[in-house]
């Protein structure tokens, strides 16, 4: 997936860890701010 994201110039959260992945997978709305390296669950 990291390769695909890079090919299309899309930001991606890679290697966030198992616990963080579970939180993100259940979220409905996320904030992803690549320059500041922020991945936040909004809802």
PDB file of N, CA and C in Angstrom:
ATOM      1  N   UNK A   1       0.801  -1.193   0.000  1.00  0.00           N
ATOM      2  CA  UNK A   1       0.000   0.000   0.000  1.00  0.00           C
ATOM      3  C   UNK A   1       0.851   1.268   0.000  1.00  0.00           C
ATOM      4  N   UNK A   2       1.978   1.242   0.651  1.00  0.00           N
ATOM      5  CA  UNK A   2       2.849   2.419   0.666  1.00  0.00           C
ATOM      6  C   UNK A   2       3.294   2.771  -0.749  1.00  0.00           C
ATOM      7  N   UNK A   3       3.579   1.752  -1.538  1.00  0.00           N
ATOM      8  CA  UNK A   3       3.999   1.981  -2.923  1.00  0.00           C
ATOM      9  C   UNK A   3       2.865   2.612  -3.722  1.00  0.00           C
ATOM     10  N   UNK A   4       1.654   2.097  -3.567  1.00  0.00           N
ATOM     11  CA  UNK A   4       0.500   2.642  -4.299  1.00  0.00           C
ATOM     12  C   UNK A   4       0.238   4.091  -3.899  1.00  0.00           C
ATOM     13  N   UNK A   5       0.300   4.378  -2.617  1.00  0.00           N
ATOM     14  CA  UNK A   5       0.086   5.753  -2.158  1.00  0.00           C
ATOM     15  C   UNK A   5       1.126   6.684  -2.779  1.00  0.00           C
ATOM     16  N   UNK A   6       2.367   6.253  -2.806  1.00  0.00           N
ATOM     17  CA  UNK A   6       3.438   7.067  -3.388  1.00  0.00           C
ATOM     18  C   UNK A   6       3.234   7.255  -4.894  1.00  0.00           C
ATOM     19  N   UNK A   7       2.812   6.199  -5.585  1.00  0.00           N
ATOM     20  CA  UNK A   7       2.585   6.290  -7.031  1.00  0.00           C
ATOM     21  C   UNK A   7       1.538   7.345  -7.380  1.00  0.00           C
ATOM     22  N   UNK A   8       0.508   7.441  -6.549  1.00  0.00           N
ATOM     23  CA  UNK A   8      -0.584   8.375  -6.821  1.00  0.00           C
ATOM     24  C   UNK A   8      -0.432   9.702  -6.080  1.00  0.00           C
ATOM     25  N   UNK A   9       0.659   9.852  -5.337  1.00  0.00           N
ATOM     26  CA  UNK A   9       0.891  11.095  -4.608  1.00  0.00           C
ATOM     27  C   UNK A   9      -0.084  11.324  -3.466  1.00  0.00           C
ATOM     28  N   UNK A  10      -0.559  10.231  -2.877  1.00  0.00           N
ATOM     29  CA  UNK A  10      -1.525  10.328  -1.784  1.00  0.00           C
ATOM     30  C   UNK A  10      -0.833  10.189  -0.436  1.00  0.00           C
ATOM     31  N   UNK A  11      -1.251  10.951   0.555  1.00  0.00           N
ATOM     32  CA  UNK A  11      -0.689  10.774   1.893  1.00  0.00           C
ATOM     33  C   UNK A  11      -1.178   9.458   2.484  1.00  0.00           C
ATOM     34  N   UNK A  12      -0.371   8.852   3.322  1.00  0.00           N
ATOM     35  CA  UNK A  12      -0.740   7.581   3.948  1.00  0.00           C
ATOM     36  C   UNK A  12      -0.110   7.485   5.328  1.00  0.00           C
ATOM     37  N   UNK A  13      -0.821   6.839   6.227  1.00  0.00           N
ATOM     38  CA  UNK A  13      -0.296   6.580   7.575  1.00  0.00           C
ATOM     39  C   UNK A  13       0.198   5.137   7.580  1.00  0.00           C
ATOM     40  N   UNK A  14       1.501   4.960   7.488  1.00  0.00           N
ATOM     41  CA  UNK A  14       2.109   3.638   7.393  1.00  0.00           C
ATOM     42  C   UNK A  14       2.851   3.340   8.694  1.00  0.00           C
ATOM     43  N   UNK A  15       2.667   2.137   9.217  1.00  0.00           N
ATOM     44  CA  UNK A  15       3.401   1.721  10.412  1.00  0.00           C
ATOM     45  C   UNK A  15       2.936   2.400  11.685  1.00  0.00           C
ATOM     46  N   UNK A  16       1.628   2.515  11.873  1.00  0.00           N
ATOM     47  CA  UNK A  16       1.106   3.187  13.063  1.00  0.00           C
ATOM     48  C   UNK A  16       1.013   2.268  14.276  1.00  0.00           C
ATOM     49  N   UNK A  17       1.192   0.995  14.074  1.00  0.00           N
ATOM     50  CA  UNK A  17       1.103   0.048  15.188  1.00  0.00           C
ATOM     51  C   UNK A  17      -0.282  -0.575  15.274  1.00  0.00           C
ATOM     52  N   UNK A  18      -0.338  -1.728  15.908  1.00  0.00           N
ATOM     53  CA  UNK A  18      -1.573  -2.507  15.948  1.00  0.00           C
ATOM     54  C   UNK A  18      -2.689  -1.806  16.732  1.00  0.00           C
ATOM     55  N   UNK A  19      -2.365  -1.283  17.896  1.00  0.00           N
ATOM     56  CA  UNK A  19      -3.383  -0.626  18.719  1.00  0.00           C
ATOM     57  C   UNK A  19      -3.922   0.626  18.033  1.00  0.00           C
ATOM     58  N   UNK A  20      -3.037   1.448  17.503  1.00  0.00           N
ATOM     59  CA  UNK A  20      -3.461   2.676  16.811  1.00  0.00           C
ATOM     60  C   UNK A  20      -4.257   2.332  15.557  1.00  0.00           C
ATOM     61  N   UNK A  21      -3.850   1.269  14.856  1.00  0.00           N
ATOM     62  CA  UNK A  21      -4.577   0.836  13.661  1.00  0.00           C
ATOM     63  C   UNK A  21      -6.021   0.485  14.007  1.00  0.00           C
ATOM     64  N   UNK A  22      -6.221  -0.226  15.118  1.00  0.00           N
ATOM     65  CA  UNK A  22      -7.582  -0.593  15.527  1.00  0.00           C
ATOM     66  C   UNK A  22      -8.438   0.649  15.777  1.00  0.00           C
ATOM     67  N   UNK A  23      -7.869   1.648  16.433  1.00  0.00           N
ATOM     68  CA  UNK A  23      -8.593   2.899  16.688  1.00  0.00           C
ATOM     69  C   UNK A  23      -8.982   3.575  15.374  1.00  0.00           C
ATOM     70  N   UNK A  24      -8.030   3.661  14.472  1.00  0.00           N
ATOM     71  CA  UNK A  24      -8.249   4.327  13.185  1.00  0.00           C
ATOM     72  C   UNK A  24      -9.249   3.545  12.333  1.00  0.00           C
ATOM     73  N   UNK A  25      -9.169   2.230  12.362  1.00  0.00           N
ATOM     74  CA  UNK A  25     -10.058   1.398  11.549  1.00  0.00           C
ATOM     75  C   UNK A  25     -11.521   1.558  11.966  1.00  0.00           C
ATOM     76  N   UNK A  26     -11.764   1.868  13.222  1.00  0.00           N
ATOM     77  CA  UNK A  26     -13.141   2.018  13.706  1.00  0.00           C
ATOM     78  C   UNK A  26     -13.659   3.452  13.581  1.00  0.00           C
ATOM     79  N   UNK A  27     -12.804   4.373  13.244  1.00  0.00           N
ATOM     80  CA  UNK A  27     -13.193   5.783  13.158  1.00  0.00           C
ATOM     81  C   UNK A  27     -14.036   6.044  11.915  1.00  0.00           C
ATOM     82  N   UNK A  28     -14.896   7.037  12.027  1.00  0.00           N
ATOM     83  CA  UNK A  28     -15.687   7.469  10.879  1.00  0.00           C
ATOM     84  C   UNK A  28     -15.045   8.666  10.189  1.00  0.00           C
ATOM     85  N   UNK A  29     -14.385   9.521  10.980  1.00  0.00           N
ATOM     86  CA  UNK A  29     -13.749  10.725  10.443  1.00  0.00           C
ATOM     87  C   UNK A  29     -12.359  10.851  11.050  1.00  0.00           C
ATOM     88  N   UNK A  30     -11.361  11.094  10.194  1.00  0.00           N
ATOM     89  CA  UNK A  30      -9.972  11.245  10.633  1.00  0.00           C
ATOM     90  C   UNK A  30      -9.403  12.562  10.138  1.00  0.00           C
ATOM     91  N   UNK A  31      -8.400  13.038  10.847  1.00  0.00           N
ATOM     92  CA  UNK A  31      -7.589  14.152  10.360  1.00  0.00           C
ATOM     93  C   UNK A  31      -6.203  13.587  10.081  1.00  0.00           C
ATOM     94  N   UNK A  32      -5.728  13.766   8.870  1.00  0.00           N
ATOM     95  CA  UNK A  32      -4.390  13.330   8.481  1.00  0.00           C
ATOM     96  C   UNK A  32      -3.636  14.561   7.995  1.00  0.00           C
ATOM     97  N   UNK A  33      -2.612  14.953   8.743  1.00  0.00           N
ATOM     98  CA  UNK A  33      -1.808  16.133   8.419  1.00  0.00           C
ATOM     99  C   UNK A  33      -0.357  15.680   8.250  1.00  0.00           C
ATOM    100  N   UNK A  34       0.024  15.258   7.039  1.00  0.00           N
ATOM    101  CA  UNK A  34       1.365  14.713   6.819  1.00  0.00           C
ATOM    102  C   UNK A  34       2.519  15.643   7.192  1.00  0.00           C
ATOM    103  N   UNK A  35       2.477  16.941   6.846  1.00  0.00           N
ATOM    104  CA  UNK A  35       3.626  17.788   7.203  1.00  0.00           C
ATOM    105  C   UNK A  35       3.889  17.841   8.710  1.00  0.00           C
ATOM    106  N   UNK A  36       2.815  17.816   9.498  1.00  0.00           N
ATOM    107  CA  UNK A  36       2.974  17.854  10.958  1.00  0.00           C
ATOM    108  C   UNK A  36       2.959  16.465  11.585  1.00  0.00           C
ATOM    109  N   UNK A  37       2.825  15.424  10.760  1.00  0.00           N
ATOM    110  CA  UNK A  37       2.787  14.023  11.197  1.00  0.00           C
ATOM    111  C   UNK A  37       1.696  13.790  12.240  1.00  0.00           C
ATOM    112  N   UNK A  38       0.484  14.246  11.912  1.00  0.00           N
ATOM    113  CA  UNK A  38      -0.655  14.096  12.807  1.00  0.00           C
ATOM    114  C   UNK A  38      -1.680  13.160  12.181  1.00  0.00           C
ATOM    115  N   UNK A  39      -2.117  12.194  12.959  1.00  0.00           N
ATOM    116  CA  UNK A  39      -3.222  11.314  12.599  1.00  0.00           C
ATOM    117  C   UNK A  39      -4.155  11.328  13.798  1.00  0.00           C
ATOM    118  N   UNK A  40      -5.332  11.956  13.631  1.00  0.00           N
ATOM    119  CA  UNK A  40      -6.232  12.156  14.765  1.00  0.00           C
ATOM    120  C   UNK A  40      -7.623  11.656  14.421  1.00  0.00           C
ATOM    121  N   UNK A  41      -8.224  10.936  15.361  1.00  0.00           N
ATOM    122  CA  UNK A  41      -9.605  10.489  15.216  1.00  0.00           C
ATOM    123  C   UNK A  41     -10.506  11.655  15.598  1.00  0.00           C
ATOM    124  N   UNK A  42     -11.358  12.062  14.670  1.00  0.00           N
ATOM    125  CA  UNK A  42     -12.315  13.134  14.927  1.00  0.00           C
ATOM    126  C   UNK A  42     -13.610  12.541  15.479  1.00  0.00           C
ATOM    127  N   UNK A  43     -14.054  11.467  14.862  1.00  0.00           N
ATOM    128  CA  UNK A  43     -15.294  10.808  15.273  1.00  0.00           C
ATOM    129  C   UNK A  43     -15.202   9.342  14.972  1.00  0.00           C
TER     130      UNK A  43
END
